[in-house]
Protein backbone atom coordinates (compact mmCIF):
# COMPACT_ATOMS: atom_id res chain seq x y z
CA MET A 1 -128.05 103.48 233.42
CA LYS A 2 -125.81 103.02 236.46
CA ILE A 3 -128.74 103.77 238.76
CA LEU A 4 -130.88 101.17 236.97
CA LEU A 5 -128.11 98.57 237.28
CA LEU A 6 -127.29 99.21 240.94
CA PRO A 7 -129.78 96.60 242.29
CA PHE A 8 -127.96 93.94 240.26
CA SER A 9 -124.64 95.21 241.66
CA TRP A 10 -126.04 94.76 245.19
CA VAL A 11 -126.88 91.13 244.41
CA TYR A 12 -123.37 90.66 242.99
CA HIS A 13 -121.90 92.28 246.11
CA PHE A 14 -123.77 89.82 248.35
CA VAL A 15 -122.34 86.86 246.40
CA VAL A 16 -118.82 88.33 246.61
CA PHE A 17 -119.27 88.99 250.34
CA LEU A 18 -120.29 85.36 250.98
CA ARG A 19 -117.30 84.05 249.03
CA HIS A 20 -114.84 86.13 251.05
CA LEU A 21 -116.61 85.15 254.27
CA PHE A 22 -116.21 81.45 253.47
CA PHE A 23 -112.46 81.97 253.02
CA ASP A 24 -112.19 84.05 256.18
CA ILE A 25 -113.92 81.46 258.39
CA GLY A 26 -112.23 78.47 256.77
CA LEU A 27 -115.09 76.91 254.82
CA LEU A 28 -112.97 77.41 251.70
CA ARG A 29 -109.36 76.31 252.11
CA VAL A 30 -106.37 78.59 251.56
CA HIS A 31 -103.13 76.84 250.51
CA SER A 32 -99.63 77.99 251.46
CA PHE A 33 -96.37 77.03 249.76
CA ASP A 34 -92.78 77.07 250.97
CA LEU A 35 -91.35 79.64 248.55
CA PRO A 36 -91.88 83.32 247.74
CA ILE A 37 -95.11 83.91 245.82
CA ILE A 38 -96.04 87.37 244.54
CA GLY A 39 -99.58 87.98 243.32
CA VAL A 40 -100.33 90.77 240.84
CA GLY A 41 -103.94 91.71 240.21
CA ASN A 42 -106.69 94.30 240.34
CA LEU A 43 -110.29 94.76 241.42
CA SER A 44 -111.60 95.81 238.02
CA VAL A 45 -112.22 94.08 234.71
CA GLY A 46 -108.85 94.32 232.96
CA GLY A 47 -106.92 97.25 231.61
CA THR A 48 -104.79 98.26 234.61
CA GLY A 49 -101.47 97.10 233.16
CA LYS A 50 -100.76 93.79 234.90
CA THR A 51 -98.60 92.42 232.06
CA PRO A 52 -95.91 95.16 232.01
CA HIS A 53 -95.79 95.15 235.81
CA ILE A 54 -95.10 91.41 235.87
CA GLU A 55 -92.40 92.00 233.27
CA TYR A 56 -90.96 94.67 235.58
CA LEU A 57 -90.75 92.10 238.39
CA ILE A 58 -89.13 89.57 236.08
CA ARG A 59 -86.43 92.06 235.06
CA LEU A 60 -85.87 93.01 238.68
CA LEU A 61 -85.46 89.45 239.98
CA LYS A 62 -84.38 87.16 237.14
CA GLN A 63 -80.63 87.60 237.71
CA ASP A 64 -80.76 86.07 241.18
CA LEU A 65 -83.69 83.63 241.09
CA ARG A 66 -85.28 80.95 238.95
CA ILE A 67 -88.67 82.50 238.20
CA ALA A 68 -91.95 80.97 237.08
CA THR A 69 -95.11 82.79 236.09
CA LEU A 70 -98.52 81.19 236.50
CA SER A 71 -101.62 82.48 234.72
CA ARG A 72 -105.07 81.18 234.03
CA GLY A 73 -104.35 81.57 230.32
CA TYR A 74 -107.33 83.74 229.44
CA GLY A 75 -108.63 83.19 225.90
CA ARG A 76 -106.79 79.92 225.27
CA THR A 77 -108.49 76.98 223.58
CA THR A 78 -107.02 74.40 225.99
CA LYS A 79 -107.56 73.32 229.58
CA GLY A 80 -105.36 72.11 232.42
CA PHE A 81 -101.69 72.67 233.19
CA ILE A 82 -99.41 73.61 230.30
CA LEU A 83 -95.78 74.66 230.52
CA ALA A 84 -94.92 76.93 227.60
CA GLY A 85 -92.26 76.00 225.09
CA VAL A 86 -90.61 78.02 222.34
CA GLU A 87 -93.26 77.03 219.81
CA THR A 88 -96.28 77.11 222.13
CA LYS A 89 -98.65 79.57 220.47
CA ALA A 90 -101.06 82.05 222.00
CA GLY A 91 -104.09 79.86 221.26
CA ILE A 92 -102.61 77.15 223.51
CA ILE A 93 -101.56 79.28 226.51
CA GLY A 94 -103.09 82.74 225.98
CA ASP A 95 -101.55 85.94 224.62
CA GLU A 96 -100.01 87.28 227.84
CA PRO A 97 -98.19 84.04 228.80
CA ARG A 98 -97.05 83.75 225.17
CA GLN A 99 -95.60 87.24 225.43
CA PHE A 100 -93.75 86.30 228.64
CA SER A 101 -92.29 83.17 227.06
CA LEU A 102 -91.07 85.05 223.97
CA LYS A 103 -89.47 87.90 225.90
CA PHE A 104 -88.03 85.85 228.78
CA PRO A 105 -87.05 82.35 227.58
CA GLU A 106 -85.17 81.77 230.85
CA VAL A 107 -88.45 81.99 232.82
CA SER A 108 -90.82 79.04 233.27
CA VAL A 109 -94.20 80.19 231.94
CA ALA A 110 -97.16 78.04 232.95
CA VAL A 111 -100.94 78.22 232.73
CA ASP A 112 -103.56 76.41 234.77
CA GLU A 113 -107.12 77.44 235.60
CA TYR A 114 -106.63 75.67 238.95
CA ARG A 115 -103.79 77.70 240.45
CA VAL A 116 -103.15 75.39 243.42
CA HIS A 117 -102.61 72.50 241.02
CA GLY A 118 -100.48 74.78 238.85
CA VAL A 119 -98.15 75.75 241.70
CA SER A 120 -97.91 72.13 242.91
CA THR A 121 -96.99 70.97 239.40
CA LEU A 122 -94.38 73.72 238.97
CA LEU A 123 -92.74 72.67 242.23
CA LYS A 124 -92.30 69.17 240.79
CA SER A 125 -90.74 70.48 237.56
CA ASP A 126 -87.04 70.59 236.73
CA PRO A 127 -85.60 73.09 237.37
CA THR A 128 -87.75 73.92 240.37
CA PRO A 129 -88.65 77.62 240.54
CA GLU A 130 -87.43 79.69 243.47
CA LEU A 131 -90.12 82.35 243.00
CA ILE A 132 -93.59 82.27 241.45
CA LEU A 133 -95.40 85.29 240.04
CA LEU A 134 -99.17 84.83 240.00
CA ASP A 135 -100.74 86.77 237.15
CA ASP A 136 -104.24 88.21 237.72
CA ALA A 137 -104.69 86.33 240.98
CA PHE A 138 -105.89 88.92 243.51
CA GLN A 139 -109.32 87.26 243.63
CA HIS A 140 -107.83 83.75 243.68
CA ARG A 141 -107.77 83.23 247.43
CA TYR A 142 -107.13 79.50 247.28
CA ILE A 143 -103.43 80.41 247.29
CA LYS A 144 -101.94 82.60 250.01
CA ALA A 145 -99.46 84.85 248.22
CA GLY A 146 -96.70 86.17 250.44
CA LEU A 147 -96.95 89.58 248.79
CA ASN A 148 -100.02 91.00 247.04
CA LEU A 149 -99.74 93.82 244.51
CA LEU A 150 -103.01 95.61 243.71
CA LEU A 151 -103.10 97.76 240.56
CA THR A 152 -105.57 100.56 239.89
CA ASP A 153 -105.82 102.83 236.86
CA TYR A 154 -105.00 106.51 237.44
CA HIS A 155 -107.99 107.49 235.29
CA GLN A 156 -110.43 105.15 237.09
CA LEU A 157 -109.48 104.45 240.68
CA TYR A 158 -111.23 101.48 242.29
CA THR A 159 -112.40 103.72 245.14
CA GLU A 160 -114.51 105.70 242.66
CA ASP A 161 -115.96 102.79 240.73
CA TYR A 162 -118.94 100.44 241.16
CA LEU A 163 -119.34 96.68 241.16
CA LEU A 164 -120.51 94.93 238.01
CA PRO A 165 -122.75 95.51 236.16
CA ALA A 166 -123.14 99.16 237.22
CA GLY A 167 -119.36 99.65 237.10
CA ARG A 168 -116.15 97.80 236.22
CA LEU A 169 -115.32 96.27 239.61
CA ARG A 170 -115.34 92.47 239.83
CA ASP A 171 -114.52 92.47 243.54
CA SER A 172 -115.59 94.64 246.45
CA LYS A 173 -113.57 97.68 247.45
CA ALA A 174 -113.13 96.11 250.90
CA ALA A 175 -110.98 93.39 249.30
CA ALA A 176 -108.25 96.01 248.86
CA ARG A 177 -107.41 95.46 252.56
CA ARG A 178 -105.52 92.31 251.55
CA ALA A 179 -103.06 94.24 249.38
CA ASP A 180 -99.53 94.84 250.65
CA ILE A 181 -98.67 97.21 247.81
CA ILE A 182 -101.09 99.46 245.90
CA ILE A 183 -99.84 100.76 242.55
CA VAL A 184 -101.58 103.57 240.70
CA THR A 185 -100.78 102.81 237.06
CA LYS A 186 -100.65 104.97 233.92
CA THR A 187 -99.93 108.15 235.84
CA PRO A 188 -98.62 111.22 233.96
CA ASN A 189 -94.88 111.25 233.22
CA VAL A 190 -94.72 114.68 234.85
CA PHE A 191 -95.80 113.88 238.38
CA SER A 192 -95.91 116.39 241.23
CA PRO A 193 -96.13 115.76 244.99
CA PHE A 194 -99.56 117.42 244.88
CA ILE A 195 -100.87 114.69 242.54
CA ALA A 196 -99.39 112.02 244.79
CA GLU A 197 -101.02 113.52 247.87
CA ASP A 198 -104.37 113.81 246.10
CA LEU A 199 -104.24 110.13 245.09
CA ARG A 200 -103.27 109.12 248.61
CA SER A 201 -106.25 111.00 250.05
CA ARG A 202 -108.62 109.33 247.57
CA LEU A 203 -107.28 105.78 248.03
CA LYS A 204 -106.67 106.02 251.81
CA PRO A 205 -104.13 103.17 252.10
CA LEU A 206 -104.04 101.36 255.43
CA PRO A 207 -101.00 101.66 257.72
CA HIS A 208 -99.54 98.34 256.52
CA GLN A 209 -99.90 99.24 252.83
CA ARG A 210 -97.34 100.98 250.61
CA LEU A 211 -98.52 103.22 247.78
CA PHE A 212 -96.52 103.58 244.55
CA PHE A 213 -97.12 105.34 241.24
CA SER A 214 -96.08 103.90 237.88
CA PHE A 215 -96.04 105.31 234.36
CA ILE A 216 -95.71 103.87 230.88
CA LYS A 217 -92.44 104.09 228.92
CA TYR A 218 -92.96 103.59 225.19
CA GLY A 219 -90.22 102.12 223.02
CA ASN A 220 -89.51 102.60 219.33
CA PHE A 221 -91.80 101.11 216.71
CA GLU A 222 -90.83 97.47 216.11
CA PRO A 223 -91.72 95.62 212.88
CA LEU A 224 -93.71 92.42 213.11
CA ARG A 225 -91.52 90.91 210.40
CA GLN A 226 -88.40 90.51 212.52
CA SER A 227 -86.35 88.89 209.75
CA GLU A 228 -86.62 91.88 207.42
CA SER A 229 -85.36 95.44 207.52
CA VAL A 230 -88.45 97.65 207.52
CA PHE A 231 -88.12 101.38 206.97
CA VAL A 232 -89.94 103.72 209.36
CA PRO A 233 -90.46 107.13 207.78
CA LYS A 234 -89.21 110.11 209.82
CA SER A 235 -92.57 111.81 209.43
CA VAL A 236 -95.75 109.72 209.52
CA SER A 237 -98.88 111.23 208.03
CA SER A 238 -101.40 108.55 209.06
CA ILE A 239 -101.47 105.71 211.58
CA LEU A 240 -104.06 102.96 211.65
CA LEU A 241 -104.15 101.71 215.24
CA VAL A 242 -105.44 98.15 215.62
CA THR A 243 -106.05 96.97 219.19
CA GLY A 244 -107.71 94.15 221.06
CA ILE A 245 -107.01 95.34 224.60
CA ALA A 246 -109.20 96.72 227.38
CA ASN A 247 -107.88 100.29 227.54
CA PRO A 248 -106.05 101.60 224.45
CA TYR A 249 -106.37 105.28 225.44
CA PRO A 250 -102.74 105.78 226.73
CA LEU A 251 -101.36 104.38 223.46
CA LYS A 252 -103.72 106.58 221.44
CA GLU A 253 -102.51 109.61 223.37
CA PHE A 254 -98.89 108.67 222.67
CA LEU A 255 -99.48 108.07 218.94
CA LEU A 256 -101.28 111.37 218.45
CA SER A 257 -97.90 113.05 218.88
CA LYS A 258 -96.39 110.85 216.16
CA CYS A 259 -98.74 111.54 213.24
CA THR A 260 -101.18 114.03 211.74
CA GLU A 261 -104.05 111.54 211.44
CA LEU A 262 -104.92 108.66 213.75
CA LEU A 263 -107.54 106.09 212.79
CA GLU A 264 -108.57 103.22 215.01
CA LEU A 265 -109.93 99.70 214.70
CA ALA A 266 -110.81 98.63 218.23
CA TYR A 267 -111.64 94.98 218.98
CA PRO A 268 -112.59 93.38 222.32
CA ASP A 269 -109.91 92.52 224.88
CA HIS A 270 -107.94 89.34 223.99
CA HIS A 271 -109.66 89.27 220.58
CA ILE A 272 -108.73 86.37 218.31
CA TYR A 273 -108.33 87.85 214.83
CA SER A 274 -110.23 86.07 212.07
CA GLU A 275 -109.60 85.98 208.35
CA LYS A 276 -112.39 88.54 207.95
CA ASP A 277 -110.72 90.83 210.51
CA PHE A 278 -107.42 90.80 208.65
CA HIS A 279 -109.12 91.60 205.34
CA HIS A 280 -110.93 94.46 207.07
CA ILE A 281 -107.61 95.79 208.36
CA VAL A 282 -106.11 95.63 204.85
CA ASN A 283 -109.10 97.38 203.26
CA THR A 284 -109.13 100.11 205.90
CA PHE A 285 -105.40 100.70 205.52
CA GLU A 286 -105.58 100.85 201.72
CA SER A 287 -108.42 103.38 201.91
CA ILE A 288 -106.18 105.86 203.76
CA ILE A 289 -104.94 108.54 201.38
CA GLY A 290 -101.21 109.31 201.48
CA LYS A 291 -97.84 107.56 201.35
CA ASN A 292 -96.30 107.77 204.81
CA LYS A 293 -98.79 105.59 206.62
CA LEU A 294 -98.35 102.73 209.09
CA ILE A 295 -100.34 100.10 210.94
CA ILE A 296 -99.57 100.14 214.67
CA THR A 297 -100.65 97.59 217.25
CA THR A 298 -99.78 96.57 220.81
CA GLU A 299 -97.30 93.92 221.97
CA LYS A 300 -100.13 91.58 223.01
CA ASP A 301 -101.89 92.02 219.68
CA ALA A 302 -98.59 91.46 217.88
CA VAL A 303 -98.35 88.06 219.57
CA ARG A 304 -101.83 87.12 218.33
CA PHE A 305 -101.09 88.50 214.86
CA ARG A 306 -97.94 86.42 214.40
CA ASP A 307 -99.51 83.24 215.77
CA SER A 308 -102.57 83.53 213.53
CA ASP A 309 -103.04 81.25 210.53
CA TYR A 310 -104.14 84.37 208.61
CA PHE A 311 -101.15 86.60 209.32
CA ARG A 312 -100.04 86.15 205.69
CA ILE A 313 -102.91 88.50 204.69
CA ILE A 314 -101.20 91.52 206.28
CA GLU A 315 -97.55 90.48 206.48
CA LYS A 316 -96.54 92.55 203.43
CA LEU A 317 -97.96 95.74 204.95
CA PRO A 318 -95.95 98.09 207.22
CA VAL A 319 -97.19 96.65 210.52
CA PHE A 320 -95.43 97.69 213.72
CA TYR A 321 -95.99 97.27 217.44
CA VAL A 322 -95.03 99.56 220.31
CA PRO A 323 -93.12 97.83 223.14
CA ILE A 324 -93.81 99.21 226.59
CA GLU A 325 -92.24 99.06 230.03
CA VAL A 326 -93.25 100.64 233.31
CA GLY A 327 -91.25 103.00 235.46
CA PHE A 328 -91.94 104.24 238.97
CA HIS A 329 -92.00 107.80 240.22
CA LYS A 330 -89.69 108.49 243.11
CA ASN A 331 -91.35 107.93 246.44
CA GLN A 332 -90.36 109.18 249.86
CA GLY A 333 -88.62 106.45 251.81
CA TYR A 334 -88.89 102.79 250.73
CA THR A 335 -88.75 102.13 246.96
CA ILE A 336 -90.78 99.34 245.39
CA ASP A 337 -87.56 97.57 244.35
CA GLU A 338 -86.39 97.55 247.96
CA MET A 339 -89.74 96.24 249.20
CA ILE A 340 -89.85 93.43 246.62
CA ASN A 341 -86.22 92.42 247.21
CA ASP A 342 -86.68 92.54 250.97
CA TYR A 343 -89.70 90.22 250.81
CA VAL A 344 -87.92 87.76 248.49
CA ARG A 345 -84.74 87.78 250.59
CA LYS A 346 -86.61 87.04 253.81
CA ASN A 347 -88.71 84.25 252.31
CA SER A 348 -86.29 82.58 249.94
CA ARG A 349 -85.13 79.04 250.68
CA ASN A 350 -81.59 80.23 249.89
CA HIS A 351 -81.75 83.10 252.41
């Protein structure tokens, strides 16, 4: 099938090449702003872990700087610039910005499909941000980020993938030259120097690029009904995993160690759950034989669950989500924290 689709990928590559050429020769304008801007993105179609990496940057920098995040707001039903409030639901701003606003109320969370307009509007807001994190903006060349972070999945490196529709790449591999930092995400928790060297040889970072390796840290099961005390059995016989994300395989691998039976209902990435979906979840859960059984979902899905008008259908069931964070394997020399802090310090107005 890939061979049959390759001619279409060549056409797509030509269009991508022309777009980058127009930026390079100035036919399309690149905008610069007088504050630190960090872009986090990938070359593929979702699933590399952008959200927890942005949360990592927020935790790293929020004590010293007023931070704003700017996303397109994928999957929202609105258009234009919106600054998230406490009650701004996922349908208005998208599930990932909603997650940021719930977890980090001190951060300004904004969405705008026109990122230049979004940054300009944020700079007129009160309080004015001192740092902006651009979510999923590696292809958005209208803004010149001071530091570009490129993520690639350990199980599917961009160097070994193909452009759409033959593969999952939405941008050419040559675009990786613009990255300052390349992060291989979802690496094994046990990580040897031999694995690191193998990945380095396959990615071939340029002299100006730093290569880092991150892994997922799973938290304890958290109930969706925050106001109630929900009992989690010490031994779980069955888990019904419900996901609407691009790559649920790391979570599935983690949950397999927590139960004797794992069932899955997989929906498309950023799926908006309907009344029919919730009834299907209930029926599937009730069909599972046994007592010690749970429904598990992701943080992003939990946001969409709670904001849904149909959440009442499943709210009496034992529904939990698994919070995640990322950690970084030790690297020789410069750490990613040092590199991020050094960039921000040198480019901050308060330097």
